[in-house]
Amino acid sequence: MSKVEKELGRLQELMPASGRMFCRLVHRPEQAVAIDAPLPLPWQQGSRNIFLNLDLWCQMPLAQRDLLLLRVVSWNLAVRWFKFDLYHGLVATGLVGTAVEFSQGDAVGVLVAGALTALTVTRIWRSHRGTAIELEADETALQIAQRRGYQQPEAARHLLEAIESVAQLERRSGLDFIELLRCQNLKAIAGLSPVGVPEQARQDN
């Protein structure tokens, strides 16, 4: 068994059952980042690809790799295009309204209903890369890690270090705003800081 196959197999076993069902790990050595998970589109409800450059990936300690993989899987599973809430309801209403106005030949109605749908879809798209879902993915990963033998403060520290390691491996000059918020939240969970992420910042997308 090659080194690539061995690591992919180990990571596959690490994932929760839902992750193994919906997420597919793919070695992509040509990518410039250690791990990449494109936002799943609404029509991609089956397998969701997680791409790994294992040359970069394996430069991180095992515990960091574990937590980072669990975190990306958790984010992937948290992305839900089809669920009942205000914004998803507005999308459905906008689509129905567009169809009705189109069938009646009302050009203005079609534009208004179409604009409502487009704005709402954009809002949902942004929420899938916003602060709330990113922090939720970190915290879900920590819960899964505890079922894999990690203590929560230890797991939070490993994920914190993984965020910093990835930035260095990818030769980035620093962390972005959401990564900094995630790091602050993880420091609080790990007991490294008494200050967590304010609730207002947690809800901003």
C-alpha atoms as a PDB file:
ATOM      1  CA  MET A   1       0.000   0.000   0.000  1.00  0.00           C
ATOM      2  CA  SER A   2       1.384   3.421  -0.975  1.00  0.00           C
ATOM      3  CA  LYS A   3       1.792   6.307   1.450  1.00  0.00           C
ATOM      4  CA  VAL A   4      -1.089   8.128  -0.281  1.00  0.00           C
ATOM      5  CA  GLU A   5      -3.435   5.145  -0.015  1.00  0.00           C
ATOM      6  CA  LYS A   6      -2.477   4.592   3.619  1.00  0.00           C
ATOM      7  CA  GLU A   7      -3.209   8.191   4.637  1.00  0.00           C
ATOM      8  CA  LEU A   8      -6.464   8.372   2.682  1.00  0.00           C
ATOM      9  CA  GLY A   9      -7.581   5.099   4.264  1.00  0.00           C
ATOM     10  CA  ARG A  10      -6.697   6.355   7.747  1.00  0.00           C
ATOM     11  CA  LEU A  11      -8.616   9.585   7.193  1.00  0.00           C
ATOM     12  CA  GLN A  12     -11.586   7.687   5.815  1.00  0.00           C
ATOM     13  CA  GLU A  13     -11.745   5.665   9.025  1.00  0.00           C
ATOM     14  CA  LEU A  14     -11.395   8.821  11.118  1.00  0.00           C
ATOM     15  CA  MET A  15     -14.497  10.420   9.625  1.00  0.00           C
ATOM     16  CA  PRO A  16     -17.907   9.957  11.248  1.00  0.00           C
ATOM     17  CA  ALA A  17     -20.354   7.645   9.450  1.00  0.00           C
ATOM     18  CA  SER A  18     -22.167  10.588   7.847  1.00  0.00           C
ATOM     19  CA  GLY A  19     -18.838  11.893   6.540  1.00  0.00           C
ATOM     20  CA  ARG A  20     -17.953   8.552   4.989  1.00  0.00           C
ATOM     21  CA  MET A  21     -21.382   8.518   3.355  1.00  0.00           C
ATOM     22  CA  PHE A  22     -21.296  11.987   1.803  1.00  0.00           C
ATOM     23  CA  CYS A  23     -17.627  13.067   1.558  1.00  0.00           C
ATOM     24  CA  ARG A  24     -15.058  11.669  -0.858  1.00  0.00           C
ATOM     25  CA  LEU A  25     -11.339  12.240  -0.219  1.00  0.00           C
ATOM     26  CA  VAL A  26      -9.297  12.943  -3.352  1.00  0.00           C
ATOM     27  CA  HIS A  27      -5.515  13.348  -3.574  1.00  0.00           C
ATOM     28  CA  ARG A  28      -4.808  16.344  -5.826  1.00  0.00           C
ATOM     29  CA  PRO A  29      -1.054  17.042  -5.704  1.00  0.00           C
ATOM     30  CA  GLU A  30      -1.227  19.952  -8.146  1.00  0.00           C
ATOM     31  CA  GLN A  31      -3.256  22.204  -5.826  1.00  0.00           C
ATOM     32  CA  ALA A  32      -1.453  24.933  -3.883  1.00  0.00           C
ATOM     33  CA  VAL A  33      -3.385  24.364  -0.640  1.00  0.00           C
ATOM     34  CA  ALA A  34      -3.172  21.458   1.786  1.00  0.00           C
ATOM     35  CA  ILE A  35      -6.924  20.835   1.866  1.00  0.00           C
ATOM     36  CA  ASP A  36      -9.753  22.283  -0.185  1.00  0.00           C
ATOM     37  CA  ALA A  37     -13.489  21.676   0.014  1.00  0.00           C
ATOM     38  CA  PRO A  38     -15.475  23.611  -2.615  1.00  0.00           C
ATOM     39  CA  LEU A  39     -18.890  24.798  -1.534  1.00  0.00           C
ATOM     40  CA  PRO A  40     -21.335  22.024  -2.527  1.00  0.00           C
ATOM     41  CA  LEU A  41     -23.901  23.374  -4.983  1.00  0.00           C
ATOM     42  CA  PRO A  42     -27.654  22.723  -4.539  1.00  0.00           C
ATOM     43  CA  TRP A  43     -27.695  19.982  -7.183  1.00  0.00           C
ATOM     44  CA  GLN A  44     -24.683  18.233  -5.607  1.00  0.00           C
ATOM     45  CA  GLN A  45     -26.524  16.394  -2.850  1.00  0.00           C
ATOM     46  CA  GLY A  46     -24.554  13.179  -3.240  1.00  0.00           C
ATOM     47  CA  SER A  47     -20.795  12.820  -2.907  1.00  0.00           C
ATOM     48  CA  ARG A  48     -18.936  15.975  -1.849  1.00  0.00           C
ATOM     49  CA  ASN A  49     -15.260  16.090  -2.753  1.00  0.00           C
ATOM     50  CA  ILE A  50     -12.546  17.068  -0.287  1.00  0.00           C
ATOM     51  CA  PHE A  51      -9.269  17.623  -2.130  1.00  0.00           C
ATOM     52  CA  LEU A  52      -5.917  17.043  -0.416  1.00  0.00           C
ATOM     53  CA  ASN A  53      -2.378  17.834  -1.471  1.00  0.00           C
ATOM     54  CA  LEU A  54      -0.804  15.083   0.607  1.00  0.00           C
ATOM     55  CA  ASP A  55       2.723  16.427   0.045  1.00  0.00           C
ATOM     56  CA  LEU A  56       1.727  19.530   2.017  1.00  0.00           C
ATOM     57  CA  TRP A  57      -0.766  17.712   4.226  1.00  0.00           C
ATOM     58  CA  CYS A  58       1.730  15.217   5.619  1.00  0.00           C
ATOM     59  CA  GLN A  59       4.060  18.014   6.737  1.00  0.00           C
ATOM     60  CA  MET A  60       1.652  18.663   9.613  1.00  0.00           C
ATOM     61  CA  PRO A  61       1.645  16.557  12.797  1.00  0.00           C
ATOM     62  CA  LEU A  62      -0.909  13.747  12.855  1.00  0.00           C
ATOM     63  CA  ALA A  63      -3.140  15.353  15.512  1.00  0.00           C
ATOM     64  CA  GLN A  64      -3.372  18.560  13.492  1.00  0.00           C
ATOM     65  CA  ARG A  65      -4.308  16.562  10.389  1.00  0.00           C
ATOM     66  CA  ASP A  66      -6.978  14.699  12.344  1.00  0.00           C
ATOM     67  CA  LEU A  67      -8.651  17.836  13.646  1.00  0.00           C
ATOM     68  CA  LEU A  68      -8.405  19.699  10.360  1.00  0.00           C
ATOM     69  CA  LEU A  69      -9.997  16.829   8.435  1.00  0.00           C
ATOM     70  CA  LEU A  70     -12.799  16.492  10.993  1.00  0.00           C
ATOM     71  CA  ARG A  71     -13.358  20.218  10.786  1.00  0.00           C
ATOM     72  CA  VAL A  72     -13.640  20.274   6.980  1.00  0.00           C
ATOM     73  CA  VAL A  73     -15.994  17.277   7.049  1.00  0.00           C
ATOM     74  CA  SER A  74     -18.130  19.015   9.702  1.00  0.00           C
ATOM     75  CA  TRP A  75     -18.363  22.158   7.564  1.00  0.00           C
ATOM     76  CA  ASN A  76     -19.281  20.086   4.501  1.00  0.00           C
ATOM     77  CA  LEU A  77     -22.094  18.332   6.351  1.00  0.00           C
ATOM     78  CA  ALA A  78     -23.379  21.641   7.774  1.00  0.00           C
ATOM     79  CA  VAL A  79     -23.996  23.066   4.289  1.00  0.00           C
ATOM     80  CA  ARG A  80     -27.685  22.528   3.614  1.00  0.00           C
ATOM     81  CA  TRP A  81     -29.369  24.176   0.679  1.00  0.00           C
ATOM     82  CA  PHE A  82     -32.717  22.494   1.215  1.00  0.00           C
ATOM     83  CA  LYS A  83     -34.142  23.147   4.668  1.00  0.00           C
ATOM     84  CA  PHE A  84     -37.132  25.050   5.984  1.00  0.00           C
ATOM     85  CA  ASP A  85     -36.377  28.517   7.291  1.00  0.00           C
ATOM     86  CA  LEU A  86     -37.121  32.111   6.313  1.00  0.00           C
ATOM     87  CA  TYR A  87     -34.510  32.430   3.564  1.00  0.00           C
ATOM     88  CA  HIS A  88     -35.116  29.021   2.026  1.00  0.00           C
ATOM     89  CA  GLY A  89     -38.855  29.757   2.129  1.00  0.00           C
ATOM     90  CA  LEU A  90     -38.251  33.026   0.268  1.00  0.00           C
ATOM     91  CA  VAL A  91     -36.315  31.166  -2.417  1.00  0.00           C
ATOM     92  CA  ALA A  92     -39.214  28.782  -2.924  1.00  0.00           C
ATOM     93  CA  THR A  93     -41.694  31.678  -2.957  1.00  0.00           C
ATOM     94  CA  GLY A  94     -39.543  33.615  -5.417  1.00  0.00           C
ATOM     95  CA  LEU A  95     -39.231  30.657  -7.770  1.00  0.00           C
ATOM     96  CA  VAL A  96     -42.986  30.009  -7.715  1.00  0.00           C
ATOM     97  CA  GLY A  97     -43.682  33.719  -8.164  1.00  0.00           C
ATOM     98  CA  THR A  98     -41.304  33.928 -11.109  1.00  0.00           C
ATOM     99  CA  ALA A  99     -42.958  30.952 -12.774  1.00  0.00           C
ATOM    100  CA  VAL A 100     -46.461  32.413 -12.246  1.00  0.00           C
ATOM    101  CA  GLU A 101     -45.524  35.864 -13.511  1.00  0.00           C
ATOM    102  CA  PHE A 102     -43.726  34.351 -16.493  1.00  0.00           C
ATOM    103  CA  SER A 103     -46.770  32.250 -17.401  1.00  0.00           C
ATOM    104  CA  GLN A 104     -48.925  35.379 -17.246  1.00  0.00           C
ATOM    105  CA  GLY A 105     -46.508  37.351 -19.403  1.00  0.00           C
ATOM    106  CA  ASP A 106     -45.879  39.981 -16.712  1.00  0.00           C
ATOM    107  CA  ALA A 107     -42.341  41.209 -17.434  1.00  0.00           C
ATOM    108  CA  VAL A 108     -42.191  43.492 -14.372  1.00  0.00           C
ATOM    109  CA  GLY A 109     -43.463  40.717 -12.118  1.00  0.00           C
ATOM    110  CA  VAL A 110     -40.879  38.312 -13.507  1.00  0.00           C
ATOM    111  CA  LEU A 111     -38.085  40.840 -12.805  1.00  0.00           C
ATOM    112  CA  VAL A 112     -39.274  41.495  -9.242  1.00  0.00           C
ATOM    113  CA  ALA A 113     -39.746  37.824  -8.378  1.00  0.00           C
ATOM    114  CA  GLY A 114     -36.442  36.921 -10.056  1.00  0.00           C
ATOM    115  CA  ALA A 115     -34.593  39.643  -8.152  1.00  0.00           C
ATOM    116  CA  LEU A 116     -36.058  38.412  -4.845  1.00  0.00           C
ATOM    117  CA  THR A 117     -34.907  34.882  -5.629  1.00  0.00           C
ATOM    118  CA  ALA A 118     -31.415  36.006  -6.662  1.00  0.00           C
ATOM    119  CA  LEU A 119     -30.920  38.149  -3.549  1.00  0.00           C
ATOM    120  CA  THR A 120     -32.093  35.360  -1.256  1.00  0.00           C
ATOM    121  CA  VAL A 121     -29.887  32.733  -2.926  1.00  0.00           C
ATOM    122  CA  THR A 122     -26.917  35.104  -2.540  1.00  0.00           C
ATOM    123  CA  ARG A 123     -27.763  35.496   1.168  1.00  0.00           C
ATOM    124  CA  ILE A 124     -27.875  31.712   1.649  1.00  0.00           C
ATOM    125  CA  TRP A 125     -24.603  31.314  -0.305  1.00  0.00           C
ATOM    126  CA  ARG A 126     -22.861  33.848   1.925  1.00  0.00           C
ATOM    127  CA  SER A 127     -24.202  32.205   5.086  1.00  0.00           C
ATOM    128  CA  HIS A 128     -22.408  28.989   4.103  1.00  0.00           C
ATOM    129  CA  ARG A 129     -19.097  30.849   4.333  1.00  0.00           C
ATOM    130  CA  GLY A 130     -20.047  33.105   7.241  1.00  0.00           C
ATOM    131  CA  THR A 131     -18.877  33.297  10.828  1.00  0.00           C
ATOM    132  CA  ALA A 132     -21.673  31.209  12.335  1.00  0.00           C
ATOM    133  CA  ILE A 133     -21.203  28.117  10.182  1.00  0.00           C
ATOM    134  CA  GLU A 134     -17.392  28.310  10.421  1.00  0.00           C
ATOM    135  CA  LEU A 135     -17.471  28.385  14.229  1.00  0.00           C
ATOM    136  CA  GLU A 136     -20.119  25.675  14.287  1.00  0.00           C
ATOM    137  CA  ALA A 137     -17.905  23.451  12.118  1.00  0.00           C
ATOM    138  CA  ASP A 138     -14.977  23.889  14.539  1.00  0.00           C
ATOM    139  CA  GLU A 139     -17.114  23.005  17.554  1.00  0.00           C
ATOM    140  CA  THR A 140     -18.670  19.992  15.829  1.00  0.00           C
ATOM    141  CA  ALA A 141     -15.185  18.761  14.917  1.00  0.00           C
ATOM    142  CA  LEU A 142     -14.171  18.982  18.576  1.00  0.00           C
ATOM    143  CA  GLN A 143     -17.182  16.891  19.576  1.00  0.00           C
ATOM    144  CA  ILE A 144     -16.294  14.204  17.030  1.00  0.00           C
ATOM    145  CA  ALA A 145     -12.648  14.298  18.123  1.00  0.00           C
ATOM    146  CA  GLN A 146     -13.710  13.482  21.679  1.00  0.00           C
ATOM    147  CA  ARG A 147     -15.268  10.283  20.338  1.00  0.00           C
ATOM    148  CA  ARG A 148     -11.886   9.551  18.763  1.00  0.00           C
ATOM    149  CA  GLY A 149     -10.024   9.768  22.065  1.00  0.00           C
ATOM    150  CA  TYR A 150      -9.097  13.456  22.243  1.00  0.00           C
ATOM    151  CA  GLN A 151      -9.908  15.684  25.214  1.00  0.00           C
ATOM    152  CA  GLN A 152     -11.744  18.864  24.229  1.00  0.00           C
ATOM    153  CA  PRO A 153      -9.028  21.384  25.286  1.00  0.00           C
ATOM    154  CA  GLU A 154      -6.365  19.231  23.592  1.00  0.00           C
ATOM    155  CA  ALA A 155      -8.454  18.944  20.406  1.00  0.00           C
ATOM    156  CA  ALA A 156      -9.050  22.714  20.356  1.00  0.00           C
ATOM    157  CA  ARG A 157      -5.312  23.337  20.671  1.00  0.00           C
ATOM    158  CA  HIS A 158      -4.521  20.949  17.816  1.00  0.00           C
ATOM    159  CA  LEU A 159      -7.090  22.605  15.547  1.00  0.00           C
ATOM    160  CA  LEU A 160      -5.781  26.042  16.494  1.00  0.00           C
ATOM    161  CA  GLU A 161      -2.257  24.938  15.574  1.00  0.00           C
ATOM    162  CA  ALA A 162      -3.541  23.368  12.344  1.00  0.00           C
ATOM    163  CA  ILE A 163      -5.061  26.674  11.212  1.00  0.00           C
ATOM    164  CA  GLU A 164      -1.702  28.372  11.747  1.00  0.00           C
ATOM    165  CA  SER A 165       0.252  25.500  10.138  1.00  0.00           C
ATOM    166  CA  VAL A 166      -1.881  25.586   6.986  1.00  0.00           C
ATOM    167  CA  ALA A 167      -1.291  29.325   6.581  1.00  0.00           C
ATOM    168  CA  GLN A 168       2.473  28.746   6.817  1.00  0.00           C
ATOM    169  CA  LEU A 169       2.457  25.787   4.403  1.00  0.00           C
ATOM    170  CA  GLU A 170       0.466  27.795   1.892  1.00  0.00           C
ATOM    171  CA  ARG A 171       2.893  30.723   2.321  1.00  0.00           C
ATOM    172  CA  ARG A 172       0.140  33.133   3.275  1.00  0.00           C
ATOM    173  CA  SER A 173       1.121  36.387   4.985  1.00  0.00           C
ATOM    174  CA  GLY A 174      -1.446  35.937   7.729  1.00  0.00           C
ATOM    175  CA  LEU A 175      -4.898  34.738   8.720  1.00  0.00           C
ATOM    176  CA  ASP A 176      -8.121  36.249   7.427  1.00  0.00           C
ATOM    177  CA  PHE A 177     -10.770  37.804   9.690  1.00  0.00           C
ATOM    178  CA  ILE A 178     -12.879  34.656  10.136  1.00  0.00           C
ATOM    179  CA  GLU A 179      -9.776  32.566  10.835  1.00  0.00           C
ATOM    180  CA  LEU A 180      -8.786  35.039  13.553  1.00  0.00           C
ATOM    181  CA  LEU A 181     -12.250  34.732  15.119  1.00  0.00           C
ATOM    182  CA  ARG A 182     -11.992  30.955  14.931  1.00  0.00           C
ATOM    183  CA  CYS A 183      -8.593  31.048  16.613  1.00  0.00           C
ATOM    184  CA  GLN A 184      -9.929  33.232  19.424  1.00  0.00           C
ATOM    185  CA  ASN A 185     -12.834  30.847  19.960  1.00  0.00           C
ATOM    186  CA  LEU A 186     -10.497  27.842  20.009  1.00  0.00           C
ATOM    187  CA  LYS A 187      -8.139  29.563  22.462  1.00  0.00           C
ATOM    188  CA  ALA A 188     -11.074  30.076  24.820  1.00  0.00           C
ATOM    189  CA  ILE A 189     -12.123  26.414  24.497  1.00  0.00           C
ATOM    190  CA  ALA A 190      -8.530  25.250  25.005  1.00  0.00           C
ATOM    191  CA  GLY A 191      -8.211  27.384  28.142  1.00  0.00           C
ATOM    192  CA  LEU A 192      -5.528  29.546  26.555  1.00  0.00           C
ATOM    193  CA  SER A 193      -7.591  32.747  26.733  1.00  0.00           C
ATOM    194  CA  PRO A 194     -10.397  33.980  28.987  1.00  0.00           C
ATOM    195  CA  VAL A 195     -11.952  35.851  26.043  1.00  0.00           C
ATOM    196  CA  GLY A 196     -14.176  34.042  23.545  1.00  0.00           C
ATOM    197  CA  VAL A 197     -16.075  35.284  20.499  1.00  0.00           C
ATOM    198  CA  PRO A 198     -18.917  37.727  21.317  1.00  0.00           C
ATOM    199  CA  GLU A 199     -22.378  36.487  20.368  1.00  0.00           C
ATOM    200  CA  GLN A 200     -22.869  39.412  17.980  1.00  0.00           C
ATOM    201  CA  ALA A 201     -19.718  38.541  16.039  1.00  0.00           C
ATOM    202  CA  ARG A 202     -20.764  34.886  16.006  1.00  0.00           C
ATOM    203  CA  GLN A 203     -24.008  35.798  14.220  1.00  0.00           C
ATOM    204  CA  ASP A 204     -22.476  38.120  11.630  1.00  0.00           C
ATOM    205  CA  ASN A 205     -22.201  36.542   8.163  1.00  0.00           C
END
